[in-house]
């Protein structure tokens, strides 16, 4: 199977499956849609990395890899449906005499955002939250892009930067909705977006997803 030699791993696989699907793990019974897999790769790469367990059903039942084409679809998704292209590391584990499970590992990307090509030809950045791949907030995407630019970020003592940081600190775990910042500080939405991305790019603000929405919070 794609020159992969399966190694013994029943106990290891059982331990992984017992974790269920989460921020860093997704079960895939079979793989036929490169677009959908590209979303998972994008989401893992934009968060903290993760793995696909190919040959495992959503309920954790091990069915084994049924077709080596699954691996080629993952490679196609990573190389042709992700921008920039991503590397996937494959390892085969033998569950029993008849079933092999493939672990496809995706590292956190050094260059973010990693975008996935959707079925309609558009490109979107995804982010892994619990066991879901969701669209990354536009200001998260802008923050990642800002971090890749050369040069530093100039902050002024006091002013709107301090005002926003104080509001976010006071909000605690509840955070502040990005869309509320403009009205909160009496500025245009465009200026508020620049303020948020500037502070997030240097690690003074973070984005947290809770209750179906992204919030601005103080970094952990």
N, C-alpha and C. Protein backbone atom coordinates (compact mmCIF):
# COMPACT_ATOMS: atom_id res chain seq x y z
N UNK A 1 0.85 -1.19 0.00
CA UNK A 1 0.00 0.00 0.00
C UNK A 1 0.89 1.24 0.00
N UNK A 2 1.06 1.81 -1.20
CA UNK A 2 1.91 3.00 -1.38
C UNK A 2 3.28 2.80 -0.70
N UNK A 3 3.77 1.58 -0.81
CA UNK A 3 5.08 1.25 -0.24
C UNK A 3 5.15 1.42 1.27
N UNK A 4 4.00 1.48 1.93
CA UNK A 4 3.98 1.58 3.39
C UNK A 4 3.99 0.18 3.98
N UNK A 5 4.91 -0.04 4.89
CA UNK A 5 4.95 -1.32 5.60
C UNK A 5 4.22 -1.14 6.93
N UNK A 6 3.14 -1.87 7.11
CA UNK A 6 2.35 -1.73 8.33
C UNK A 6 3.13 -2.28 9.53
N UNK A 7 3.10 -1.53 10.61
CA UNK A 7 3.74 -1.97 11.85
C UNK A 7 2.65 -2.31 12.87
N UNK A 8 3.02 -3.13 13.83
CA UNK A 8 2.04 -3.52 14.84
C UNK A 8 1.62 -2.29 15.65
N UNK A 9 0.32 -2.18 15.88
CA UNK A 9 -0.11 -0.98 16.58
C UNK A 9 -1.51 -1.06 17.15
N UNK A 10 -2.01 -2.25 17.43
CA UNK A 10 -3.38 -2.37 17.93
C UNK A 10 -3.58 -1.57 19.22
N UNK A 11 -2.69 -1.72 20.18
CA UNK A 11 -2.85 -1.02 21.45
C UNK A 11 -2.76 0.48 21.26
N UNK A 12 -1.82 0.89 20.43
CA UNK A 12 -1.67 2.32 20.13
C UNK A 12 -2.93 2.87 19.49
N UNK A 13 -3.49 2.16 18.51
CA UNK A 13 -4.71 2.62 17.84
C UNK A 13 -5.89 2.67 18.80
N UNK A 14 -6.01 1.69 19.65
CA UNK A 14 -7.11 1.70 20.62
C UNK A 14 -7.01 2.91 21.55
N UNK A 15 -5.80 3.26 21.94
CA UNK A 15 -5.62 4.43 22.79
C UNK A 15 -6.02 5.71 22.06
N UNK A 16 -5.63 5.83 20.79
CA UNK A 16 -6.01 7.01 20.02
C UNK A 16 -7.52 7.08 19.82
N UNK A 17 -8.12 5.96 19.47
CA UNK A 17 -9.56 5.93 19.21
C UNK A 17 -10.35 6.26 20.47
N UNK A 18 -9.83 5.84 21.62
CA UNK A 18 -10.50 6.13 22.89
C UNK A 18 -10.58 7.64 23.15
N UNK A 19 -9.68 8.40 22.55
CA UNK A 19 -9.72 9.85 22.71
C UNK A 19 -10.91 10.48 21.97
N UNK A 20 -11.41 9.76 20.95
CA UNK A 20 -12.47 10.31 20.13
C UNK A 20 -11.92 11.36 19.17
N UNK A 21 -12.83 11.97 18.43
CA UNK A 21 -12.43 13.06 17.54
C UNK A 21 -12.30 14.34 18.37
N UNK A 22 -11.25 15.09 18.12
CA UNK A 22 -11.02 16.31 18.89
C UNK A 22 -10.21 17.29 18.07
N UNK A 23 -9.68 18.30 18.73
CA UNK A 23 -8.96 19.37 18.04
C UNK A 23 -7.84 18.85 17.15
N UNK A 24 -7.21 17.76 17.55
CA UNK A 24 -6.05 17.26 16.82
C UNK A 24 -6.28 15.90 16.16
N UNK A 25 -7.52 15.46 16.10
CA UNK A 25 -7.77 14.12 15.55
C UNK A 25 -9.13 14.03 14.87
N UNK A 26 -9.12 13.36 13.71
CA UNK A 26 -10.35 13.17 12.94
C UNK A 26 -10.37 11.75 12.41
N UNK A 27 -11.52 11.07 12.51
CA UNK A 27 -11.67 9.73 11.97
C UNK A 27 -12.19 9.81 10.53
N UNK A 28 -11.64 8.96 9.66
CA UNK A 28 -12.10 8.90 8.27
C UNK A 28 -12.25 7.43 7.87
N UNK A 29 -13.49 7.03 7.62
CA UNK A 29 -13.75 5.66 7.18
C UNK A 29 -13.18 5.45 5.79
N UNK A 30 -13.46 6.39 4.89
CA UNK A 30 -12.91 6.35 3.55
C UNK A 30 -12.77 7.78 3.05
N UNK A 31 -11.97 7.97 2.03
CA UNK A 31 -11.68 9.31 1.53
C UNK A 31 -11.92 9.35 0.03
N UNK A 32 -12.86 10.18 -0.38
CA UNK A 32 -13.19 10.28 -1.80
C UNK A 32 -13.22 11.72 -2.31
N UNK A 33 -13.24 12.69 -1.41
CA UNK A 33 -13.41 14.09 -1.80
C UNK A 33 -12.20 14.90 -1.35
N UNK A 34 -11.37 15.30 -2.32
CA UNK A 34 -10.15 16.04 -1.99
C UNK A 34 -10.47 17.40 -1.37
N UNK A 35 -11.57 18.02 -1.79
CA UNK A 35 -11.94 19.32 -1.23
C UNK A 35 -12.22 19.22 0.27
N UNK A 36 -12.97 18.20 0.67
CA UNK A 36 -13.30 18.04 2.09
C UNK A 36 -12.05 17.75 2.91
N UNK A 37 -11.17 16.93 2.37
CA UNK A 37 -9.94 16.61 3.10
C UNK A 37 -9.04 17.83 3.19
N UNK A 38 -9.04 18.66 2.15
CA UNK A 38 -8.24 19.89 2.19
C UNK A 38 -8.69 20.79 3.33
N UNK A 39 -9.99 20.80 3.61
CA UNK A 39 -10.48 21.62 4.74
C UNK A 39 -9.88 21.12 6.05
N UNK A 40 -9.85 19.81 6.23
CA UNK A 40 -9.26 19.26 7.46
C UNK A 40 -7.78 19.60 7.55
N UNK A 41 -7.07 19.48 6.44
CA UNK A 41 -5.64 19.78 6.43
C UNK A 41 -5.43 21.26 6.76
N UNK A 42 -6.21 22.13 6.14
CA UNK A 42 -6.14 23.56 6.41
C UNK A 42 -6.41 23.84 7.89
N UNK A 43 -7.46 23.23 8.42
CA UNK A 43 -7.85 23.48 9.81
C UNK A 43 -6.77 23.03 10.78
N UNK A 44 -6.21 21.86 10.55
CA UNK A 44 -5.13 21.38 11.43
C UNK A 44 -3.90 22.27 11.31
N UNK A 45 -3.52 22.59 10.08
CA UNK A 45 -2.30 23.37 9.85
C UNK A 45 -2.41 24.77 10.43
N UNK A 46 -3.62 25.33 10.44
CA UNK A 46 -3.82 26.68 10.97
C UNK A 46 -3.95 26.71 12.48
N UNK A 47 -4.14 25.53 13.09
CA UNK A 47 -4.26 25.48 14.56
C UNK A 47 -2.96 24.91 15.13
N UNK A 48 -2.99 23.71 15.61
CA UNK A 48 -1.80 23.12 16.24
C UNK A 48 -1.36 21.82 15.60
N UNK A 49 -1.79 21.59 14.35
CA UNK A 49 -1.49 20.32 13.71
C UNK A 49 -2.49 19.26 14.14
N UNK A 50 -2.43 18.10 13.50
CA UNK A 50 -3.36 17.03 13.85
C UNK A 50 -3.14 15.81 12.99
N UNK A 51 -4.06 14.87 13.11
CA UNK A 51 -3.93 13.61 12.38
C UNK A 51 -5.29 13.12 11.92
N UNK A 52 -5.29 12.48 10.76
CA UNK A 52 -6.44 11.74 10.27
C UNK A 52 -6.18 10.27 10.51
N UNK A 53 -7.14 9.56 11.07
CA UNK A 53 -7.04 8.11 11.20
C UNK A 53 -7.93 7.52 10.11
N UNK A 54 -7.29 7.06 9.05
CA UNK A 54 -8.01 6.55 7.87
C UNK A 54 -8.28 5.06 8.06
N UNK A 55 -9.55 4.71 7.94
CA UNK A 55 -9.96 3.33 8.17
C UNK A 55 -10.70 3.17 9.48
N UNK A 56 -11.07 4.30 10.10
CA UNK A 56 -11.82 4.30 11.36
C UNK A 56 -13.13 5.05 11.14
N UNK A 57 -14.24 4.43 11.50
CA UNK A 57 -15.55 5.06 11.33
C UNK A 57 -15.78 6.14 12.39
N UNK A 58 -16.78 6.97 12.15
CA UNK A 58 -17.08 8.07 13.07
C UNK A 58 -17.33 7.60 14.49
N UNK A 59 -17.88 6.40 14.63
CA UNK A 59 -18.18 5.88 15.98
C UNK A 59 -16.99 5.17 16.61
N UNK A 60 -15.84 5.21 15.94
CA UNK A 60 -14.64 4.59 16.50
C UNK A 60 -14.41 3.15 16.09
N UNK A 61 -15.30 2.59 15.31
CA UNK A 61 -15.13 1.21 14.84
C UNK A 61 -14.03 1.14 13.80
N UNK A 62 -13.13 0.18 13.95
CA UNK A 62 -12.04 0.01 12.99
C UNK A 62 -12.52 -0.86 11.83
N UNK A 63 -12.51 -0.28 10.65
CA UNK A 63 -12.89 -1.02 9.45
C UNK A 63 -11.66 -1.34 8.61
N UNK A 64 -10.61 -0.56 8.80
CA UNK A 64 -9.41 -0.75 8.01
C UNK A 64 -9.48 0.01 6.70
N UNK A 65 -8.33 0.32 6.15
CA UNK A 65 -8.27 1.01 4.86
C UNK A 65 -8.71 0.04 3.79
N UNK A 66 -9.68 0.47 2.99
CA UNK A 66 -10.27 -0.42 1.99
C UNK A 66 -9.67 -0.22 0.61
N UNK A 67 -9.03 0.93 0.41
CA UNK A 67 -8.52 1.24 -0.92
C UNK A 67 -7.30 2.14 -0.77
N UNK A 68 -6.18 1.76 -1.39
CA UNK A 68 -4.99 2.60 -1.28
C UNK A 68 -5.17 3.93 -1.97
N UNK A 69 -6.23 4.07 -2.76
CA UNK A 69 -6.52 5.35 -3.40
C UNK A 69 -6.77 6.44 -2.36
N UNK A 70 -7.21 6.03 -1.15
CA UNK A 70 -7.44 7.00 -0.08
C UNK A 70 -6.19 7.85 0.17
N UNK A 71 -5.05 7.22 0.16
CA UNK A 71 -3.81 7.93 0.43
C UNK A 71 -3.51 8.94 -0.67
N UNK A 72 -3.75 8.53 -1.92
CA UNK A 72 -3.48 9.44 -3.03
C UNK A 72 -4.41 10.66 -2.99
N UNK A 73 -5.65 10.46 -2.54
CA UNK A 73 -6.58 11.59 -2.44
C UNK A 73 -6.10 12.57 -1.38
N UNK A 74 -5.59 12.06 -0.25
CA UNK A 74 -5.06 12.93 0.78
C UNK A 74 -3.86 13.72 0.25
N UNK A 75 -2.97 13.05 -0.46
CA UNK A 75 -1.82 13.73 -1.05
C UNK A 75 -2.26 14.80 -2.04
N UNK A 76 -3.25 14.46 -2.86
CA UNK A 76 -3.78 15.42 -3.83
C UNK A 76 -4.36 16.63 -3.11
N UNK A 77 -5.10 16.38 -2.03
CA UNK A 77 -5.70 17.47 -1.27
C UNK A 77 -4.62 18.38 -0.70
N UNK A 78 -3.55 17.79 -0.17
CA UNK A 78 -2.49 18.57 0.46
C UNK A 78 -1.67 19.36 -0.54
N UNK A 79 -1.46 18.79 -1.71
CA UNK A 79 -0.57 19.41 -2.68
C UNK A 79 -1.29 20.31 -3.68
N UNK A 80 -2.52 19.96 -4.04
CA UNK A 80 -3.22 20.68 -5.09
C UNK A 80 -4.41 21.50 -4.59
N UNK A 81 -4.95 21.13 -3.45
CA UNK A 81 -6.14 21.80 -2.93
C UNK A 81 -5.83 22.63 -1.69
N UNK A 82 -4.56 22.72 -1.31
CA UNK A 82 -4.16 23.59 -0.21
C UNK A 82 -3.16 24.62 -0.72
N UNK A 83 -3.28 25.82 -0.20
CA UNK A 83 -2.38 26.91 -0.59
C UNK A 83 -1.89 27.62 0.65
N UNK A 84 -0.56 27.57 0.95
CA UNK A 84 0.48 26.82 0.24
C UNK A 84 0.31 25.31 0.44
N UNK A 85 0.94 24.55 -0.43
CA UNK A 85 0.86 23.09 -0.34
C UNK A 85 1.41 22.62 1.01
N UNK A 86 0.82 21.55 1.53
CA UNK A 86 1.22 21.01 2.83
C UNK A 86 1.80 19.61 2.69
N UNK A 87 2.64 19.25 3.65
CA UNK A 87 3.21 17.91 3.69
C UNK A 87 2.42 17.05 4.66
N UNK A 88 2.13 15.83 4.24
CA UNK A 88 1.43 14.88 5.10
C UNK A 88 2.31 13.65 5.30
N UNK A 89 2.48 13.26 6.54
CA UNK A 89 3.31 12.09 6.87
C UNK A 89 2.38 10.90 7.12
N UNK A 90 2.59 9.82 6.38
CA UNK A 90 1.75 8.63 6.49
C UNK A 90 2.47 7.52 7.25
N UNK A 91 1.74 6.89 8.17
CA UNK A 91 2.24 5.71 8.87
C UNK A 91 1.13 4.68 8.91
N UNK A 92 1.45 3.44 8.57
CA UNK A 92 0.46 2.36 8.56
C UNK A 92 0.61 1.51 9.82
N UNK A 93 -0.53 1.23 10.45
CA UNK A 93 -0.55 0.40 11.65
C UNK A 93 -1.47 -0.79 11.43
N UNK A 94 -1.00 -1.95 11.77
CA UNK A 94 -1.84 -3.14 11.63
C UNK A 94 -2.66 -3.32 12.90
N UNK A 95 -3.99 -3.30 12.72
CA UNK A 95 -4.91 -3.44 13.85
C UNK A 95 -5.13 -4.91 14.17
N UNK A 96 -5.35 -5.70 13.12
CA UNK A 96 -5.47 -7.15 13.28
C UNK A 96 -5.07 -7.79 11.95
N UNK A 97 -5.37 -9.07 11.80
CA UNK A 97 -4.90 -9.78 10.61
C UNK A 97 -5.49 -9.22 9.32
N UNK A 98 -6.64 -8.58 9.41
CA UNK A 98 -7.30 -8.12 8.19
C UNK A 98 -7.43 -6.61 8.06
N UNK A 99 -7.09 -5.86 9.09
CA UNK A 99 -7.33 -4.42 9.06
C UNK A 99 -6.06 -3.61 9.31
N UNK A 100 -5.84 -2.64 8.43
CA UNK A 100 -4.73 -1.69 8.57
C UNK A 100 -5.32 -0.28 8.64
N UNK A 101 -4.82 0.50 9.56
CA UNK A 101 -5.25 1.90 9.71
C UNK A 101 -4.07 2.80 9.35
N UNK A 102 -4.35 3.84 8.59
CA UNK A 102 -3.32 4.80 8.21
C UNK A 102 -3.45 6.05 9.05
N UNK A 103 -2.35 6.45 9.67
CA UNK A 103 -2.30 7.73 10.37
C UNK A 103 -1.67 8.76 9.43
N UNK A 104 -2.44 9.78 9.09
CA UNK A 104 -1.94 10.86 8.24
C UNK A 104 -1.72 12.07 9.13
N UNK A 105 -0.47 12.44 9.34
CA UNK A 105 -0.13 13.51 10.28
C UNK A 105 0.15 14.81 9.55
N UNK A 106 -0.46 15.89 10.05
CA UNK A 106 -0.30 17.23 9.49
C UNK A 106 0.29 18.13 10.56
N UNK A 107 1.38 18.79 10.27
CA UNK A 107 2.03 19.67 11.23
C UNK A 107 1.39 21.06 11.21
N UNK A 108 1.54 21.78 12.31
CA UNK A 108 1.15 23.19 12.33
C UNK A 108 2.00 23.91 11.29
N UNK A 109 1.37 24.74 10.48
CA UNK A 109 2.07 25.41 9.39
C UNK A 109 2.97 26.52 9.90
N UNK A 110 4.15 26.64 9.32
CA UNK A 110 5.04 27.76 9.62
C UNK A 110 4.51 29.03 8.96
N UNK A 111 3.87 28.85 7.82
CA UNK A 111 3.32 29.98 7.06
C UNK A 111 1.81 29.87 7.04
N UNK A 112 1.16 30.78 7.75
CA UNK A 112 -0.30 30.81 7.77
C UNK A 112 -0.79 32.12 7.18
N UNK A 113 -1.98 32.13 6.58
CA UNK A 113 -2.99 31.08 6.59
C UNK A 113 -2.72 30.00 5.53
N UNK A 114 -3.17 28.78 5.84
CA UNK A 114 -3.25 27.72 4.86
C UNK A 114 -4.69 27.69 4.38
N UNK A 115 -4.88 27.89 3.10
CA UNK A 115 -6.23 27.93 2.54
C UNK A 115 -6.54 26.63 1.82
N UNK A 116 -7.82 26.29 1.77
CA UNK A 116 -8.30 25.11 1.06
C UNK A 116 -9.20 25.56 -0.09
N UNK A 117 -9.07 24.87 -1.20
CA UNK A 117 -9.91 25.19 -2.35
C UNK A 117 -11.26 24.51 -2.21
N UNK A 118 -12.31 25.29 -2.18
CA UNK A 118 -13.65 24.75 -2.06
C UNK A 118 -14.16 24.24 -3.41
N UNK A 119 -15.29 23.55 -3.38
CA UNK A 119 -15.84 22.94 -4.59
C UNK A 119 -16.16 23.97 -5.67
N UNK A 120 -16.48 25.20 -5.26
CA UNK A 120 -16.81 26.24 -6.24
C UNK A 120 -15.58 26.99 -6.75
N UNK A 121 -14.39 26.55 -6.34
CA UNK A 121 -13.16 27.15 -6.82
C UNK A 121 -12.63 28.27 -5.96
N UNK A 122 -13.36 28.69 -4.94
CA UNK A 122 -12.88 29.74 -4.05
C UNK A 122 -11.93 29.13 -3.02
N UNK A 123 -11.11 30.00 -2.41
CA UNK A 123 -10.15 29.56 -1.40
C UNK A 123 -10.54 30.12 -0.05
N UNK A 124 -10.53 29.27 0.97
CA UNK A 124 -10.91 29.67 2.32
C UNK A 124 -9.94 29.08 3.33
N UNK A 125 -9.71 29.82 4.41
CA UNK A 125 -8.87 29.32 5.50
C UNK A 125 -9.77 28.72 6.57
N UNK A 126 -9.42 27.54 7.04
CA UNK A 126 -10.20 26.84 8.06
C UNK A 126 -9.39 26.75 9.35
N UNK A 127 -10.12 26.49 10.43
CA UNK A 127 -9.52 26.45 11.78
C UNK A 127 -10.20 25.34 12.55
N UNK A 128 -9.41 24.56 13.27
CA UNK A 128 -9.94 23.40 13.98
C UNK A 128 -10.43 23.81 15.37
N UNK A 129 -11.69 23.53 15.65
CA UNK A 129 -12.28 23.79 16.97
C UNK A 129 -12.99 22.51 17.40
N UNK A 130 -12.52 21.92 18.50
CA UNK A 130 -13.06 20.63 18.97
C UNK A 130 -12.96 19.64 17.80
N UNK A 131 -14.09 19.08 17.36
CA UNK A 131 -14.05 18.10 16.27
C UNK A 131 -14.58 18.67 14.96
N UNK A 132 -14.54 20.00 14.82
CA UNK A 132 -15.08 20.64 13.63
C UNK A 132 -14.03 21.48 12.91
N UNK A 133 -14.21 21.60 11.60
CA UNK A 133 -13.41 22.51 10.79
C UNK A 133 -14.30 23.70 10.47
N UNK A 134 -13.94 24.87 10.98
CA UNK A 134 -14.77 26.05 10.76
C UNK A 134 -13.96 27.09 9.98
N UNK A 135 -14.68 28.02 9.37
CA UNK A 135 -14.00 29.11 8.68
C UNK A 135 -13.25 29.98 9.70
N UNK A 136 -12.01 30.26 9.42
CA UNK A 136 -11.25 31.17 10.28
C UNK A 136 -11.84 32.57 10.16
N UNK A 137 -11.84 33.31 11.26
CA UNK A 137 -12.35 34.68 11.23
C UNK A 137 -11.46 35.51 10.30
N UNK A 138 -12.05 36.39 9.50
CA UNK A 138 -11.25 37.21 8.58
C UNK A 138 -10.12 37.97 9.26
N UNK A 139 -10.34 38.40 10.50
CA UNK A 139 -9.28 39.14 11.19
C UNK A 139 -8.16 38.21 11.67
N UNK A 140 -8.48 36.92 11.89
CA UNK A 140 -7.42 35.95 12.17
C UNK A 140 -6.55 35.80 10.94
N UNK A 141 -7.20 35.68 9.78
CA UNK A 141 -6.46 35.53 8.53
C UNK A 141 -5.58 36.76 8.30
N UNK A 142 -6.12 37.95 8.54
CA UNK A 142 -5.35 39.18 8.38
C UNK A 142 -4.18 39.22 9.35
N UNK A 143 -4.39 38.71 10.56
CA UNK A 143 -3.31 38.67 11.56
C UNK A 143 -2.19 37.76 11.10
N UNK A 144 -2.53 36.56 10.62
CA UNK A 144 -1.50 35.63 10.15
C UNK A 144 -0.70 36.25 9.02
N UNK A 145 -1.38 36.92 8.11
CA UNK A 145 -0.67 37.54 6.99
C UNK A 145 0.23 38.67 7.47
N UNK A 146 -0.24 39.40 8.45
CA UNK A 146 0.56 40.51 8.97
C UNK A 146 1.85 39.99 9.60
N UNK A 147 1.77 38.83 10.25
CA UNK A 147 2.95 38.28 10.91
C UNK A 147 4.03 37.88 9.91
N UNK A 148 3.64 37.58 8.68
CA UNK A 148 4.62 37.16 7.68
C UNK A 148 5.31 38.34 7.02
N UNK A 149 4.79 39.54 7.24
CA UNK A 149 5.41 40.71 6.62
C UNK A 149 6.70 41.07 7.35
N UNK A 150 7.58 41.72 6.62
CA UNK A 150 8.83 42.18 7.25
C UNK A 150 8.56 43.45 8.03
N UNK A 151 9.43 43.73 8.99
CA UNK A 151 9.28 44.94 9.78
C UNK A 151 8.48 44.68 11.04
N UNK A 152 8.60 45.58 11.99
CA UNK A 152 7.92 45.44 13.26
C UNK A 152 6.60 46.19 13.27
N UNK A 153 5.97 46.16 14.45
CA UNK A 153 4.70 46.85 14.66
C UNK A 153 4.94 47.95 15.69
N UNK A 154 4.55 49.16 15.33
CA UNK A 154 4.75 50.31 16.22
C UNK A 154 3.51 50.49 17.08
N UNK A 155 3.70 50.53 18.40
CA UNK A 155 2.61 50.78 19.33
C UNK A 155 2.85 52.08 20.07
N UNK A 156 1.78 52.79 20.29
CA UNK A 156 1.88 54.03 21.06
C UNK A 156 1.45 53.76 22.50
N UNK A 157 2.12 54.43 23.42
CA UNK A 157 1.71 54.31 24.82
C UNK A 157 0.37 55.02 24.98
N UNK A 158 -0.56 54.36 25.65
CA UNK A 158 -1.90 54.93 25.81
C UNK A 158 -2.69 54.82 24.53
N UNK A 159 -3.68 55.67 24.37
CA UNK A 159 -4.46 55.69 23.16
C UNK A 159 -5.35 54.49 22.98
N UNK A 160 -5.73 54.23 21.73
CA UNK A 160 -6.71 53.19 21.44
C UNK A 160 -6.18 51.80 21.74
N UNK A 161 -4.87 51.59 21.58
CA UNK A 161 -4.30 50.27 21.88
C UNK A 161 -4.54 49.90 23.34
N UNK A 162 -4.18 50.81 24.23
CA UNK A 162 -4.38 50.54 25.66
C UNK A 162 -5.85 50.40 26.00
N UNK A 163 -6.69 51.22 25.35
CA UNK A 163 -8.12 51.16 25.63
C UNK A 163 -8.70 49.80 25.28
N UNK A 164 -8.30 49.26 24.13
CA UNK A 164 -8.81 47.95 23.73
C UNK A 164 -8.28 46.86 24.65
N UNK A 165 -7.01 46.90 24.97
CA UNK A 165 -6.44 45.88 25.85
C UNK A 165 -7.09 45.91 27.22
N UNK A 166 -7.42 47.08 27.70
CA UNK A 166 -8.09 47.19 28.99
C UNK A 166 -9.49 46.60 28.92
N UNK A 167 -10.22 46.87 27.84
CA UNK A 167 -11.57 46.31 27.69
C UNK A 167 -11.52 44.79 27.61
N UNK A 168 -10.58 44.28 26.88
CA UNK A 168 -10.45 42.81 26.75
C UNK A 168 -10.07 42.19 28.09
N UNK A 169 -9.15 42.80 28.81
CA UNK A 169 -8.76 42.27 30.12
C UNK A 169 -9.93 42.28 31.08
N UNK A 170 -10.72 43.34 31.04
CA UNK A 170 -11.87 43.44 31.94
C UNK A 170 -12.94 42.41 31.60
N UNK A 171 -13.04 42.03 30.34
CA UNK A 171 -14.06 41.05 29.92
C UNK A 171 -13.71 39.64 30.35
N UNK A 172 -12.45 39.37 30.64
CA UNK A 172 -12.05 38.05 31.09
C UNK A 172 -12.31 36.97 30.06
N UNK A 173 -12.79 35.82 30.53
CA UNK A 173 -13.02 34.67 29.65
C UNK A 173 -14.10 34.95 28.62
N UNK A 174 -15.02 35.84 28.92
CA UNK A 174 -16.10 36.14 27.97
C UNK A 174 -15.57 36.81 26.72
N UNK A 175 -14.48 37.56 26.85
CA UNK A 175 -13.88 38.21 25.70
C UNK A 175 -14.73 39.33 25.13
N UNK A 176 -14.27 39.86 24.04
CA UNK A 176 -14.94 40.97 23.34
C UNK A 176 -15.18 40.56 21.90
N UNK A 177 -16.36 40.81 21.40
CA UNK A 177 -16.67 40.49 20.00
C UNK A 177 -15.90 41.44 19.09
N UNK A 178 -15.19 40.91 18.09
CA UNK A 178 -14.44 41.80 17.19
C UNK A 178 -15.31 42.87 16.55
N UNK A 179 -16.55 42.52 16.21
CA UNK A 179 -17.44 43.48 15.55
C UNK A 179 -17.87 44.62 16.46
N UNK A 180 -17.67 44.48 17.78
CA UNK A 180 -18.09 45.52 18.72
C UNK A 180 -17.00 46.57 18.97
N UNK A 181 -15.78 46.30 18.50
CA UNK A 181 -14.66 47.17 18.85
C UNK A 181 -14.82 48.57 18.28
N UNK A 182 -15.29 48.68 17.04
CA UNK A 182 -15.42 50.00 16.41
C UNK A 182 -16.32 50.91 17.23
N UNK A 183 -17.52 50.43 17.58
CA UNK A 183 -18.44 51.25 18.36
C UNK A 183 -17.92 51.47 19.77
N UNK A 184 -17.28 50.47 20.32
CA UNK A 184 -16.76 50.56 21.68
C UNK A 184 -15.73 51.68 21.82
N UNK A 185 -14.90 51.84 20.78
CA UNK A 185 -13.81 52.82 20.86
C UNK A 185 -14.08 54.06 20.00
N UNK A 186 -15.26 54.10 19.38
CA UNK A 186 -15.61 55.28 18.60
C UNK A 186 -14.74 55.50 17.39
N UNK A 187 -14.53 54.45 16.60
CA UNK A 187 -13.70 54.55 15.41
C UNK A 187 -14.34 53.80 14.25
N UNK A 188 -13.81 53.95 13.07
CA UNK A 188 -14.34 53.26 11.91
C UNK A 188 -14.06 51.76 12.02
N UNK A 189 -14.83 50.95 11.31
CA UNK A 189 -14.63 49.50 11.33
C UNK A 189 -13.26 49.16 10.73
N UNK A 190 -12.87 49.90 9.72
CA UNK A 190 -11.58 49.63 9.09
C UNK A 190 -10.43 49.90 10.07
N UNK A 191 -10.52 51.02 10.79
CA UNK A 191 -9.48 51.33 11.76
C UNK A 191 -9.47 50.32 12.90
N UNK A 192 -10.65 49.88 13.31
CA UNK A 192 -10.75 48.87 14.37
C UNK A 192 -10.12 47.56 13.92
N UNK A 193 -10.36 47.18 12.66
CA UNK A 193 -9.77 45.94 12.15
C UNK A 193 -8.26 46.03 12.16
N UNK A 194 -7.71 47.18 11.76
CA UNK A 194 -6.26 47.34 11.79
C UNK A 194 -5.70 47.28 13.18
N UNK A 195 -6.43 47.87 14.13
CA UNK A 195 -6.00 47.85 15.53
C UNK A 195 -5.95 46.43 16.06
N UNK A 196 -7.01 45.67 15.80
CA UNK A 196 -7.08 44.28 16.28
C UNK A 196 -5.96 43.44 15.70
N UNK A 197 -5.77 43.51 14.39
CA UNK A 197 -4.73 42.67 13.77
C UNK A 197 -3.34 43.10 14.21
N UNK A 198 -3.15 44.39 14.45
CA UNK A 198 -1.84 44.87 14.90
C UNK A 198 -1.50 44.30 16.28
N UNK A 199 -2.48 44.33 17.19
CA UNK A 199 -2.24 43.81 18.54
C UNK A 199 -2.14 42.28 18.55
N UNK A 200 -2.96 41.64 17.73
CA UNK A 200 -2.92 40.18 17.69
C UNK A 200 -1.63 39.68 17.05
N UNK A 201 -1.10 40.42 16.08
CA UNK A 201 0.10 40.00 15.38
C UNK A 201 1.31 39.93 16.31
N UNK A 202 1.33 40.75 17.36
CA UNK A 202 2.47 40.73 18.29
C UNK A 202 2.14 40.00 19.59
N UNK A 203 0.99 39.31 19.58
CA UNK A 203 0.67 38.44 20.70
C UNK A 203 0.03 39.09 21.90
N UNK A 204 -0.49 40.31 21.74
CA UNK A 204 -1.16 40.97 22.87
C UNK A 204 -2.65 40.67 22.91
N UNK A 205 -3.18 40.15 21.82
CA UNK A 205 -4.57 39.70 21.75
C UNK A 205 -4.60 38.31 21.15
N UNK A 206 -5.64 37.55 21.49
CA UNK A 206 -5.82 36.23 20.91
C UNK A 206 -7.29 36.07 20.51
N UNK A 207 -7.54 35.13 19.60
CA UNK A 207 -8.90 34.82 19.19
C UNK A 207 -9.31 33.50 19.83
N UNK A 208 -10.52 33.47 20.39
CA UNK A 208 -11.03 32.24 20.98
C UNK A 208 -12.45 32.01 20.47
N UNK A 209 -12.72 30.76 20.09
CA UNK A 209 -14.04 30.42 19.55
C UNK A 209 -14.88 29.78 20.65
N UNK A 210 -16.03 30.38 20.93
CA UNK A 210 -16.93 29.85 21.96
C UNK A 210 -18.34 30.31 21.66
N UNK A 211 -19.29 29.42 21.88
CA UNK A 211 -20.69 29.77 21.68
C UNK A 211 -21.02 30.13 20.25
N UNK A 212 -20.29 29.54 19.31
CA UNK A 212 -20.58 29.77 17.90
C UNK A 212 -19.98 31.03 17.33
N UNK A 213 -19.06 31.69 18.05
CA UNK A 213 -18.49 32.94 17.56
C UNK A 213 -17.08 33.11 18.09
N UNK A 214 -16.28 33.89 17.37
CA UNK A 214 -14.93 34.23 17.82
C UNK A 214 -15.00 35.45 18.74
N UNK A 215 -14.17 35.42 19.79
CA UNK A 215 -14.06 36.54 20.71
C UNK A 215 -12.59 36.91 20.86
N UNK A 216 -12.34 38.17 21.20
CA UNK A 216 -11.01 38.62 21.49
C UNK A 216 -10.73 38.44 22.97
N UNK A 217 -9.64 37.78 23.29
CA UNK A 217 -9.29 37.53 24.69
C UNK A 217 -7.83 37.85 24.91
N UNK A 218 -7.43 37.97 26.18
CA UNK A 218 -6.03 38.12 26.52
C UNK A 218 -5.34 36.77 26.33
N UNK A 219 -4.12 36.75 25.84
CA UNK A 219 -3.40 35.48 25.65
C UNK A 219 -3.24 34.73 26.97
N UNK A 220 -3.23 33.42 26.90
CA UNK A 220 -3.03 32.59 28.09
C UNK A 220 -1.60 32.75 28.62
